[in-house]
Structures are given as C-alpha cells and as structure tokens.
C-alpha atoms as a PDB file:
ATOM      1  CA  UNK A   1      -2.291  25.200  -9.985  1.00  0.00           C
ATOM      2  CA  UNK A   2      -0.850  21.820  -9.020  1.00  0.00           C
ATOM      3  CA  UNK A   3       2.855  21.102  -8.756  1.00  0.00           C
ATOM      4  CA  UNK A   4       3.056  19.485 -12.198  1.00  0.00           C
ATOM      5  CA  UNK A   5       1.913  22.776 -13.744  1.00  0.00           C
ATOM      6  CA  UNK A   6       4.350  24.753 -11.629  1.00  0.00           C
ATOM      7  CA  UNK A   7       7.118  22.486 -12.945  1.00  0.00           C
ATOM      8  CA  UNK A   8       6.115  23.150 -16.546  1.00  0.00           C
ATOM      9  CA  UNK A   9       3.973  20.083 -17.274  1.00  0.00           C
ATOM     10  CA  UNK A  10       0.404  20.188 -18.581  1.00  0.00           C
ATOM     11  CA  UNK A  11      -2.369  20.320 -15.988  1.00  0.00           C
ATOM     12  CA  UNK A  12      -3.393  16.652 -15.982  1.00  0.00           C
ATOM     13  CA  UNK A  13       0.129  15.173 -15.860  1.00  0.00           C
ATOM     14  CA  UNK A  14       0.572  12.458 -13.255  1.00  0.00           C
ATOM     15  CA  UNK A  15       4.145  12.632 -11.987  1.00  0.00           C
ATOM     16  CA  UNK A  16       5.402   9.790  -9.826  1.00  0.00           C
ATOM     17  CA  UNK A  17       8.522   9.186  -7.772  1.00  0.00           C
ATOM     18  CA  UNK A  18       9.068   5.718  -6.334  1.00  0.00           C
ATOM     19  CA  UNK A  19      11.302   6.454  -3.411  1.00  0.00           C
ATOM     20  CA  UNK A  20      13.228   3.973  -1.251  1.00  0.00           C
ATOM     21  CA  UNK A  21      13.743   5.118   2.334  1.00  0.00           C
ATOM     22  CA  UNK A  22      16.313   3.860   4.864  1.00  0.00           C
ATOM     23  CA  UNK A  23      19.346   3.166   2.663  1.00  0.00           C
ATOM     24  CA  UNK A  24      22.330   2.676   4.955  1.00  0.00           C
ATOM     25  CA  UNK A  25      20.253   0.968   7.645  1.00  0.00           C
ATOM     26  CA  UNK A  26      21.765  -2.446   6.896  1.00  0.00           C
ATOM     27  CA  UNK A  27      23.600  -4.460   4.267  1.00  0.00           C
ATOM     28  CA  UNK A  28      20.346  -6.212   3.327  1.00  0.00           C
ATOM     29  CA  UNK A  29      18.654  -2.848   2.895  1.00  0.00           C
ATOM     30  CA  UNK A  30      21.490  -1.571   0.716  1.00  0.00           C
ATOM     31  CA  UNK A  31      21.541  -4.647  -1.525  1.00  0.00           C
ATOM     32  CA  UNK A  32      17.801  -4.473  -2.093  1.00  0.00           C
ATOM     33  CA  UNK A  33      17.848  -0.729  -2.740  1.00  0.00           C
ATOM     34  CA  UNK A  34      20.635  -1.060  -5.295  1.00  0.00           C
ATOM     35  CA  UNK A  35      18.881  -3.886  -7.129  1.00  0.00           C
ATOM     36  CA  UNK A  36      15.577  -1.984  -7.084  1.00  0.00           C
ATOM     37  CA  UNK A  37      17.355   0.981  -8.683  1.00  0.00           C
ATOM     38  CA  UNK A  38      19.159  -1.130 -11.276  1.00  0.00           C
ATOM     39  CA  UNK A  39      16.405  -3.570 -12.201  1.00  0.00           C
ATOM     40  CA  UNK A  40      13.169  -2.144 -10.803  1.00  0.00           C
ATOM     41  CA  UNK A  41      11.010   0.952 -10.695  1.00  0.00           C
ATOM     42  CA  UNK A  42      12.713   2.790  -7.835  1.00  0.00           C
ATOM     43  CA  UNK A  43      14.093   6.088  -9.127  1.00  0.00           C
ATOM     44  CA  UNK A  44      15.069   7.832  -5.897  1.00  0.00           C
ATOM     45  CA  UNK A  45      16.389   6.883  -2.455  1.00  0.00           C
ATOM     46  CA  UNK A  46      17.677   8.485   0.714  1.00  0.00           C
ATOM     47  CA  UNK A  47      20.423   7.532   3.153  1.00  0.00           C
ATOM     48  CA  UNK A  48      20.544   7.382   6.948  1.00  0.00           C
ATOM     49  CA  UNK A  49      23.902   8.977   7.701  1.00  0.00           C
ATOM     50  CA  UNK A  50      24.187   7.868  11.365  1.00  0.00           C
ATOM     51  CA  UNK A  51      23.720   4.164  10.546  1.00  0.00           C
ATOM     52  CA  UNK A  52      26.614   1.669  10.348  1.00  0.00           C
ATOM     53  CA  UNK A  53      25.965   0.697   6.714  1.00  0.00           C
ATOM     54  CA  UNK A  54      25.772   4.279   5.453  1.00  0.00           C
ATOM     55  CA  UNK A  55      29.343   4.084   4.165  1.00  0.00           C
ATOM     56  CA  UNK A  56      28.563   1.191   1.826  1.00  0.00           C
ATOM     57  CA  UNK A  57      25.626   3.095   0.327  1.00  0.00           C
ATOM     58  CA  UNK A  58      27.646   6.312   0.105  1.00  0.00           C
ATOM     59  CA  UNK A  59      30.300   4.484  -1.915  1.00  0.00           C
ATOM     60  CA  UNK A  60      27.598   3.219  -4.275  1.00  0.00           C
ATOM     61  CA  UNK A  61      26.173   6.729  -4.645  1.00  0.00           C
ATOM     62  CA  UNK A  62      29.576   8.186  -5.534  1.00  0.00           C
ATOM     63  CA  UNK A  63      30.206   5.462  -8.098  1.00  0.00           C
ATOM     64  CA  UNK A  64      26.691   5.675  -9.566  1.00  0.00           C
ATOM     65  CA  UNK A  65      25.804   9.384  -9.705  1.00  0.00           C
ATOM     66  CA  UNK A  66      23.033   8.782 -12.243  1.00  0.00           C
ATOM     67  CA  UNK A  67      20.773   7.628  -9.428  1.00  0.00           C
ATOM     68  CA  UNK A  68      18.893  10.223  -7.412  1.00  0.00           C
ATOM     69  CA  UNK A  69      19.530  10.274  -3.646  1.00  0.00           C
ATOM     70  CA  UNK A  70      18.967  12.439  -0.602  1.00  0.00           C
ATOM     71  CA  UNK A  71      19.703  12.594   3.116  1.00  0.00           C
ATOM     72  CA  UNK A  72      17.194  10.731   5.287  1.00  0.00           C
ATOM     73  CA  UNK A  73      17.477  12.943   8.368  1.00  0.00           C
ATOM     74  CA  UNK A  74      17.359  10.686  11.412  1.00  0.00           C
ATOM     75  CA  UNK A  75      16.359  11.443  15.006  1.00  0.00           C
ATOM     76  CA  UNK A  76      14.795   8.143  16.109  1.00  0.00           C
ATOM     77  CA  UNK A  77      15.717   4.453  16.225  1.00  0.00           C
ATOM     78  CA  UNK A  78      12.689   2.201  16.524  1.00  0.00           C
ATOM     79  CA  UNK A  79      14.334  -1.251  16.728  1.00  0.00           C
ATOM     80  CA  UNK A  80      14.472  -3.421  19.820  1.00  0.00           C
ATOM     81  CA  UNK A  81      18.063  -4.682  19.633  1.00  0.00           C
ATOM     82  CA  UNK A  82      19.631  -2.814  16.703  1.00  0.00           C
ATOM     83  CA  UNK A  83      20.670   0.592  18.017  1.00  0.00           C
ATOM     84  CA  UNK A  84      22.304   3.733  16.701  1.00  0.00           C
ATOM     85  CA  UNK A  85      22.618   7.309  17.835  1.00  0.00           C
ATOM     86  CA  UNK A  86      23.658  10.751  16.653  1.00  0.00           C
ATOM     87  CA  UNK A  87      26.550  11.667  14.405  1.00  0.00           C
ATOM     88  CA  UNK A  88      27.739  14.117  17.040  1.00  0.00           C
ATOM     89  CA  UNK A  89      29.054  12.876  20.395  1.00  0.00           C
ATOM     90  CA  UNK A  90      26.140  12.278  22.748  1.00  0.00           C
ATOM     91  CA  UNK A  91      27.637  14.805  25.148  1.00  0.00           C
ATOM     92  CA  UNK A  92      27.112  17.517  22.499  1.00  0.00           C
ATOM     93  CA  UNK A  93      23.433  16.651  21.906  1.00  0.00           C
ATOM     94  CA  UNK A  94      22.377  15.055  25.219  1.00  0.00           C
ATOM     95  CA  UNK A  95      18.674  15.777  24.785  1.00  0.00           C
ATOM     96  CA  UNK A  96      18.489  13.499  21.717  1.00  0.00           C
ATOM     97  CA  UNK A  97      19.600  10.278  23.409  1.00  0.00           C
ATOM     98  CA  UNK A  98      18.492   7.793  26.038  1.00  0.00           C
ATOM     99  CA  UNK A  99      20.566   6.604  28.984  1.00  0.00           C
ATOM    100  CA  UNK A 100      22.672   4.448  26.636  1.00  0.00           C
ATOM    101  CA  UNK A 101      23.437   7.190  24.124  1.00  0.00           C
ATOM    102  CA  UNK A 102      20.999   5.933  21.474  1.00  0.00           C
ATOM    103  CA  UNK A 103      18.185   7.760  19.698  1.00  0.00           C
ATOM    104  CA  UNK A 104      14.753   7.398  21.290  1.00  0.00           C
ATOM    105  CA  UNK A 105      12.459   4.739  19.824  1.00  0.00           C
ATOM    106  CA  UNK A 106       9.414   6.961  19.329  1.00  0.00           C
ATOM    107  CA  UNK A 107       8.671  10.453  18.047  1.00  0.00           C
ATOM    108  CA  UNK A 108       6.754  11.191  21.235  1.00  0.00           C
ATOM    109  CA  UNK A 109       9.855  10.569  23.367  1.00  0.00           C
ATOM    110  CA  UNK A 110      11.907  12.745  21.064  1.00  0.00           C
ATOM    111  CA  UNK A 111       9.371  15.567  21.275  1.00  0.00           C
ATOM    112  CA  UNK A 112       9.276  15.329  25.061  1.00  0.00           C
ATOM    113  CA  UNK A 113      13.049  15.410  25.584  1.00  0.00           C
ATOM    114  CA  UNK A 114      14.809  17.154  22.691  1.00  0.00           C
ATOM    115  CA  UNK A 115      15.893  20.778  22.622  1.00  0.00           C
ATOM    116  CA  UNK A 116      15.623  22.670  19.375  1.00  0.00           C
ATOM    117  CA  UNK A 117      19.322  23.544  19.592  1.00  0.00           C
ATOM    118  CA  UNK A 118      20.351  19.880  19.705  1.00  0.00           C
ATOM    119  CA  UNK A 119      17.997  18.975  16.854  1.00  0.00           C
ATOM    120  CA  UNK A 120      19.454  21.651  14.608  1.00  0.00           C
ATOM    121  CA  UNK A 121      23.049  20.759  15.502  1.00  0.00           C
ATOM    122  CA  UNK A 122      22.529  17.059  14.809  1.00  0.00           C
ATOM    123  CA  UNK A 123      20.594  17.415  11.569  1.00  0.00           C
ATOM    124  CA  UNK A 124      23.194  19.860  10.273  1.00  0.00           C
ATOM    125  CA  UNK A 125      25.925  17.375  11.252  1.00  0.00           C
ATOM    126  CA  UNK A 126      24.212  14.616   9.274  1.00  0.00           C
ATOM    127  CA  UNK A 127      24.073  16.750   6.144  1.00  0.00           C
ATOM    128  CA  UNK A 128      27.681  17.772   6.646  1.00  0.00           C
ATOM    129  CA  UNK A 129      28.611  14.109   7.084  1.00  0.00           C
ATOM    130  CA  UNK A 130      27.138  13.317   3.679  1.00  0.00           C
ATOM    131  CA  UNK A 131      28.921  16.247   2.083  1.00  0.00           C
ATOM    132  CA  UNK A 132      32.268  15.229   3.638  1.00  0.00           C
ATOM    133  CA  UNK A 133      31.864  11.865   1.906  1.00  0.00           C
ATOM    134  CA  UNK A 134      31.744  13.707  -1.410  1.00  0.00           C
ATOM    135  CA  UNK A 135      28.021  13.184  -1.890  1.00  0.00           C
ATOM    136  CA  UNK A 136      25.725  15.559  -3.776  1.00  0.00           C
ATOM    137  CA  UNK A 137      22.241  14.967  -2.350  1.00  0.00           C
ATOM    138  CA  UNK A 138      19.222  16.088  -4.336  1.00  0.00           C
ATOM    139  CA  UNK A 139      16.873  16.625  -1.366  1.00  0.00           C
ATOM    140  CA  UNK A 140      16.194  16.188   2.336  1.00  0.00           C
ATOM    141  CA  UNK A 141      13.560  13.929   3.887  1.00  0.00           C
ATOM    142  CA  UNK A 142      13.129  12.354   7.309  1.00  0.00           C
ATOM    143  CA  UNK A 143      13.125   8.943   8.983  1.00  0.00           C
ATOM    144  CA  UNK A 144       9.706   8.326  10.567  1.00  0.00           C
ATOM    145  CA  UNK A 145       9.073  11.971   9.631  1.00  0.00           C
ATOM    146  CA  UNK A 146      10.465  12.826  13.065  1.00  0.00           C
ATOM    147  CA  UNK A 147      11.151  16.360  11.873  1.00  0.00           C
ATOM    148  CA  UNK A 148       7.424  16.814  12.429  1.00  0.00           C
ATOM    149  CA  UNK A 149       7.453  15.578  16.026  1.00  0.00           C
ATOM    150  CA  UNK A 150       7.246  19.253  17.056  1.00  0.00           C
ATOM    151  CA  UNK A 151       6.487  22.351  15.049  1.00  0.00           C
ATOM    152  CA  UNK A 152       9.866  23.934  15.886  1.00  0.00           C
ATOM    153  CA  UNK A 153      11.655  20.830  14.559  1.00  0.00           C
ATOM    154  CA  UNK A 154       9.687  21.239  11.343  1.00  0.00           C
ATOM    155  CA  UNK A 155      10.829  24.852  10.999  1.00  0.00           C
ATOM    156  CA  UNK A 156      14.463  23.740  11.412  1.00  0.00           C
ATOM    157  CA  UNK A 157      13.910  21.140   8.694  1.00  0.00           C
ATOM    158  CA  UNK A 158      12.690  23.805   6.271  1.00  0.00           C
ATOM    159  CA  UNK A 159      15.504  26.139   7.264  1.00  0.00           C
ATOM    160  CA  UNK A 160      18.108  23.475   6.481  1.00  0.00           C
ATOM    161  CA  UNK A 161      16.608  23.039   3.027  1.00  0.00           C
ATOM    162  CA  UNK A 162      17.076  26.748   2.420  1.00  0.00           C
ATOM    163  CA  UNK A 163      20.591  26.696   3.856  1.00  0.00           C
ATOM    164  CA  UNK A 164      21.758  23.911   1.541  1.00  0.00           C
ATOM    165  CA  UNK A 165      19.610  24.865  -1.442  1.00  0.00           C
ATOM    166  CA  UNK A 166      17.749  21.538  -1.409  1.00  0.00           C
ATOM    167  CA  UNK A 167      14.045  20.754  -1.686  1.00  0.00           C
ATOM    168  CA  UNK A 168      12.593  19.125   1.432  1.00  0.00           C
ATOM    169  CA  UNK A 169       9.744  16.633   1.456  1.00  0.00           C
ATOM    170  CA  UNK A 170       6.661  18.441   2.770  1.00  0.00           C
ATOM    171  CA  UNK A 171       3.203  16.934   2.536  1.00  0.00           C
ATOM    172  CA  UNK A 172      -0.023  17.441   4.436  1.00  0.00           C
ATOM    173  CA  UNK A 173      -0.630  13.721   4.953  1.00  0.00           C
ATOM    174  CA  UNK A 174       2.774  13.269   6.557  1.00  0.00           C
ATOM    175  CA  UNK A 175       2.180  16.216   8.874  1.00  0.00           C
ATOM    176  CA  UNK A 176      -1.176  14.801   9.909  1.00  0.00           C
ATOM    177  CA  UNK A 177       0.473  11.418  10.518  1.00  0.00           C
ATOM    178  CA  UNK A 178       2.834  12.975  13.081  1.00  0.00           C
ATOM    179  CA  UNK A 179       0.190  15.212  14.631  1.00  0.00           C
ATOM    180  CA  UNK A 180       0.818  18.635  13.096  1.00  0.00           C
ATOM    181  CA  UNK A 181      -1.944  20.680  11.487  1.00  0.00           C
ATOM    182  CA  UNK A 182      -1.072  21.177   7.784  1.00  0.00           C
ATOM    183  CA  UNK A 183      -3.183  24.318   7.560  1.00  0.00           C
ATOM    184  CA  UNK A 184      -1.221  25.859  10.392  1.00  0.00           C
ATOM    185  CA  UNK A 185       2.319  24.849   9.462  1.00  0.00           C
ATOM    186  CA  UNK A 186       2.393  24.684   5.661  1.00  0.00           C
ATOM    187  CA  UNK A 187       3.051  28.066   4.085  1.00  0.00           C
ATOM    188  CA  UNK A 188       2.036  29.150   0.594  1.00  0.00           C
ATOM    189  CA  UNK A 189       5.707  29.465  -0.355  1.00  0.00           C
ATOM    190  CA  UNK A 190       6.524  25.864   0.683  1.00  0.00           C
ATOM    191  CA  UNK A 191       7.353  23.272  -1.941  1.00  0.00           C
ATOM    192  CA  UNK A 192       4.474  20.832  -1.424  1.00  0.00           C
ATOM    193  CA  UNK A 193       4.183  17.237  -2.619  1.00  0.00           C
ATOM    194  CA  UNK A 194       0.607  16.744  -3.834  1.00  0.00           C
ATOM    195  CA  UNK A 195       0.129  13.152  -2.649  1.00  0.00           C
ATOM    196  CA  UNK A 196       2.259  10.699  -0.667  1.00  0.00           C
ATOM    197  CA  UNK A 197       1.453   6.974  -0.530  1.00  0.00           C
ATOM    198  CA  UNK A 198       2.794   4.487   1.981  1.00  0.00           C
ATOM    199  CA  UNK A 199       1.646   1.122   3.199  1.00  0.00           C
ATOM    200  CA  UNK A 200      -0.053   0.777   6.569  1.00  0.00           C
ATOM    201  CA  UNK A 201       0.141  -2.029   9.085  1.00  0.00           C
ATOM    202  CA  UNK A 202      -3.590  -2.593   8.726  1.00  0.00           C
ATOM    203  CA  UNK A 203      -3.229  -3.181   4.967  1.00  0.00           C
ATOM    204  CA  UNK A 204      -0.187  -5.362   5.542  1.00  0.00           C
ATOM    205  CA  UNK A 205      -2.165  -7.586   7.942  1.00  0.00           C
ATOM    206  CA  UNK A 206      -5.402  -7.711   5.964  1.00  0.00           C
ATOM    207  CA  UNK A 207      -5.713  -7.201   2.198  1.00  0.00           C
ATOM    208  CA  UNK A 208      -1.967  -7.111   1.642  1.00  0.00           C
ATOM    209  CA  UNK A 209       0.498  -4.572   0.322  1.00  0.00           C
ATOM    210  CA  UNK A 210       0.510  -5.942  -3.230  1.00  0.00           C
ATOM    211  CA  UNK A 211      -3.148  -5.031  -3.635  1.00  0.00           C
ATOM    212  CA  UNK A 212      -2.535  -1.649  -2.027  1.00  0.00           C
ATOM    213  CA  UNK A 213       0.290  -0.742  -4.410  1.00  0.00           C
ATOM    214  CA  UNK A 214      -1.755  -1.900  -7.416  1.00  0.00           C
ATOM    215  CA  UNK A 215      -4.556   0.408  -6.267  1.00  0.00           C
ATOM    216  CA  UNK A 216      -2.109   3.288  -5.922  1.00  0.00           C
ATOM    217  CA  UNK A 217      -1.050   2.913  -9.556  1.00  0.00           C
ATOM    218  CA  UNK A 218      -4.702   3.150 -10.593  1.00  0.00           C
ATOM    219  CA  UNK A 219      -5.464   6.221  -8.476  1.00  0.00           C
ATOM    220  CA  UNK A 220      -2.529   8.619  -8.749  1.00  0.00           C
ATOM    221  CA  UNK A 221      -3.545  12.285  -8.700  1.00  0.00           C
ATOM    222  CA  UNK A 222      -2.597  14.932 -11.225  1.00  0.00           C
ATOM    223  CA  UNK A 223       0.544  16.579  -9.911  1.00  0.00           C
ATOM    224  CA  UNK A 224       3.423  15.070  -7.935  1.00  0.00           C
ATOM    225  CA  UNK A 225       2.880  11.654  -6.353  1.00  0.00           C
ATOM    226  CA  UNK A 226       5.512   9.992  -4.166  1.00  0.00           C
ATOM    227  CA  UNK A 227       5.290   6.315  -3.264  1.00  0.00           C
ATOM    228  CA  UNK A 228       7.405   5.661  -0.164  1.00  0.00           C
ATOM    229  CA  UNK A 229       8.747   2.119   0.115  1.00  0.00           C
ATOM    230  CA  UNK A 230      11.368   0.334   2.206  1.00  0.00           C
ATOM    231  CA  UNK A 231      12.870  -2.499   0.132  1.00  0.00           C
ATOM    232  CA  UNK A 232      15.069  -5.051   1.883  1.00  0.00           C
ATOM    233  CA  UNK A 233      15.372  -8.821   1.963  1.00  0.00           C
ATOM    234  CA  UNK A 234      13.594 -11.111   4.408  1.00  0.00           C
ATOM    235  CA  UNK A 235      16.938 -12.587   5.447  1.00  0.00           C
ATOM    236  CA  UNK A 236      18.626 -13.292   8.783  1.00  0.00           C
ATOM    237  CA  UNK A 237      20.063  -9.789   9.030  1.00  0.00           C
ATOM    238  CA  UNK A 238      16.746  -7.972   8.557  1.00  0.00           C
ATOM    239  CA  UNK A 239      14.866 -10.504  10.685  1.00  0.00           C
ATOM    240  CA  UNK A 240      17.290  -9.773  13.498  1.00  0.00           C
ATOM    241  CA  UNK A 241      16.986  -6.008  13.095  1.00  0.00           C
ATOM    242  CA  UNK A 242      13.177  -6.018  12.916  1.00  0.00           C
ATOM    243  CA  UNK A 243      12.490  -8.721  15.513  1.00  0.00           C
ATOM    244  CA  UNK A 244       9.120  -8.179  17.247  1.00  0.00           C
ATOM    245  CA  UNK A 245       8.437  -5.279  14.868  1.00  0.00           C
ATOM    246  CA  UNK A 246       6.291  -6.567  11.968  1.00  0.00           C
ATOM    247  CA  UNK A 247       5.342  -2.994  11.075  1.00  0.00           C
ATOM    248  CA  UNK A 248       7.951  -2.243   8.371  1.00  0.00           C
ATOM    249  CA  UNK A 249       9.569  -5.556   9.283  1.00  0.00           C
ATOM    250  CA  UNK A 250      11.621  -7.853   7.082  1.00  0.00           C
ATOM    251  CA  UNK A 251       8.606  -9.578   5.466  1.00  0.00           C
ATOM    252  CA  UNK A 252       7.053  -6.177   4.653  1.00  0.00           C
ATOM    253  CA  UNK A 253      10.298  -4.982   3.091  1.00  0.00           C
ATOM    254  CA  UNK A 254      10.613  -8.101   0.965  1.00  0.00           C
ATOM    255  CA  UNK A 255       7.134  -7.400  -0.439  1.00  0.00           C
ATOM    256  CA  UNK A 256       8.225  -3.862  -1.298  1.00  0.00           C
ATOM    257  CA  UNK A 257      11.253  -5.210  -3.148  1.00  0.00           C
ATOM    258  CA  UNK A 258       9.310  -7.886  -5.010  1.00  0.00           C
ATOM    259  CA  UNK A 259       6.466  -5.617  -6.151  1.00  0.00           C
ATOM    260  CA  UNK A 260       8.655  -2.791  -7.402  1.00  0.00           C
ATOM    261  CA  UNK A 261      11.080  -5.060  -9.284  1.00  0.00           C
ATOM    262  CA  UNK A 262       8.280  -6.932 -11.048  1.00  0.00           C
ATOM    263  CA  UNK A 263       8.154  -6.165 -14.782  1.00  0.00           C
ATOM    264  CA  UNK A 264       4.416  -6.776 -14.986  1.00  0.00           C
ATOM    265  CA  UNK A 265       3.894  -4.097 -12.353  1.00  0.00           C
ATOM    266  CA  UNK A 266       6.180  -1.698 -14.225  1.00  0.00           C
ATOM    267  CA  UNK A 267       3.887  -1.967 -17.249  1.00  0.00           C
ATOM    268  CA  UNK A 268       1.045  -0.537 -15.149  1.00  0.00           C
ATOM    269  CA  UNK A 269       2.848   2.794 -15.023  1.00  0.00           C
ATOM    270  CA  UNK A 270       2.931   3.097 -18.794  1.00  0.00           C
ATOM    271  CA  UNK A 271      -0.656   1.860 -19.088  1.00  0.00           C
ATOM    272  CA  UNK A 272      -1.810   4.705 -16.836  1.00  0.00           C
ATOM    273  CA  UNK A 273       0.236   7.347 -18.698  1.00  0.00           C
ATOM    274  CA  UNK A 274       2.347   8.113 -15.638  1.00  0.00           C
ATOM    275  CA  UNK A 275       5.503  10.254 -15.915  1.00  0.00           C
ATOM    276  CA  UNK A 276       8.408   9.300 -13.605  1.00  0.00           C
ATOM    277  CA  UNK A 277      10.296  12.178 -11.999  1.00  0.00           C
ATOM    278  CA  UNK A 278      13.151  12.506  -9.502  1.00  0.00           C
ATOM    279  CA  UNK A 279      14.125  15.023  -6.848  1.00  0.00           C
ATOM    280  CA  UNK A 280      17.087  16.001  -9.001  1.00  0.00           C
ATOM    281  CA  UNK A 281      14.770  16.914 -11.889  1.00  0.00           C
ATOM    282  CA  UNK A 282      12.533  18.826  -9.498  1.00  0.00           C
ATOM    283  CA  UNK A 283      15.503  20.717  -8.117  1.00  0.00           C
ATOM    284  CA  UNK A 284      16.569  21.795 -11.598  1.00  0.00           C
ATOM    285  CA  UNK A 285      13.038  22.912 -12.421  1.00  0.00           C
ATOM    286  CA  UNK A 286      12.876  24.893  -9.177  1.00  0.00           C
ATOM    287  CA  UNK A 287      15.855  26.935 -10.321  1.00  0.00           C
ATOM    288  CA  UNK A 288      14.044  27.845 -13.549  1.00  0.00           C
ATOM    289  CA  UNK A 289      10.638  28.682 -12.129  1.00  0.00           C
ATOM    290  CA  UNK A 290       9.540  30.379  -8.958  1.00  0.00           C
ATOM    291  CA  UNK A 291       8.051  27.697  -6.709  1.00  0.00           C
END
C-alpha cells in the first residue's frame, strides 16, 4: 500500500508537493519564495531559523497562514563568505561549530565533531525559536539533510517529530544521498515519502534543470512525490552568498524560480492528472488514519 492509499486516496493517485527549501537564508530567497507561493506552483516551504533573514519570512508566515511551512532544521553552513551558526550560544553547543563559532561547511565535518547531546539541544532550540515567534509549522525537514550525517542524528530527528507532533521528511533516496542505509534505518512505522526529486549539479551543467523538471512531471510515481527546489533571484545578494559555489548557486536558484512560476509548466500538472498536497493536509490525514 503506497502513501496515497494510506492517506485515503485511490491506489493510482499521484500526489505532488512542490517544496521550497531555505526560506530565511536571504532577502532574495525570501522574495522569490513568496512570489513562487503567490504566483507559482510552490505549495510548501521551510524556514532556516538560525539565519539572519528568518525574521522577515516568519513575519510573512504569520500574516499569510494559508501557506504551508515547516522548520528547515539546520546544522551546516556551506557558503564561503556568508556565515551563520547555532541558535544557542556556541559555548552551549561547542561541538557544532568551527573555531569562529559558525556551523561546519560539510556534513562529514559535522559527523566527525558533533555530539548527539549538542545536536538535540540545538535542533530543539530551533523549533522552539519558531514557536516563540508565534509560528505553527506543519512539518520538520533538514538543510542538506544533515540530520542524516550520522544514524544517531537521524534518530533525534524522528524523536523531535514525535515530541512536537509533526511529520518529518523521511525518504530512502535522501538517506542514501547522505550515506545511511535505508533498509537499516527506516522502520515500518515511519512516515515515508515515496519519491523525492531534486536537481543535481551534473544535470545543471549538462542537459539543464528545465529539462529535468519537465521529465519529473512526466514520471511521477503513484503515491507521494516531493519536488525539492530552492528559488531565489540571480541578483547581487545571492551572487555574493553563493560565490564559487555553482551547485545550488544563484543561477540555479533563478532557474528554479522561473520554471515553477511559469504558467505553461503549471498546465503540465493538470495534463498528467496530478493532485497537489501539502504537509498540513498530510498532518490532518495522519490524525485520522494510523500511518
């Protein structure tokens, strides 16, 4: 039984969520996310609580509760010059930061240095930070899927979902991406996303992301599909943040914005009989059925 059936849909239903990661990262990111929600196909997003522009996006979320949003749990900062660190003072979670008090750039560095106690304290603080702002998140997910950098981090991630009564994004492809064995760490009781799609640097450099996303629309599976995108504008702000980092850089993010705000592309969803769904709708269904 696929997830669509477990949520009460017929067996061959293709559910899709077009989800914008990294809200709060920058002003450019926020502007693009908001426009993609208002005028495009994006129907869910998640916010990076430790980032400087989180407060702008939190204000939007409070004033526009009809849009679905979650907490983008953050333990890494991949940018060369644009830096941020934990919500908690670095002295309280010293294993999560480098010599300058910033998050590590890579999951591997996080896995090598972090203690499970500091990971749990910081992720809990990020959720609490969102709640203190008066937000009502619909789910938890993770920046760079760093919650999978070690299996004990992943267990904390699931435990926080239970603690706050929120679904967490779990998918075998994402676990494989970060080096965890899905067969070993996904339990039968876990809420599992059937298929996750995200652009790769190889596609970005070669055939292009527009072709990739068009192919995704043609090949969605029956069940729950999530398309992860990172809309922003290819402006001076994002160019500065993503300098020397073309992978998910400013040009990539502009493509994401353009494709998913294009009306001709929106028509492809209807043509393929695809049913949009949000984390909020999934959360309500979870309360009615045993997932």
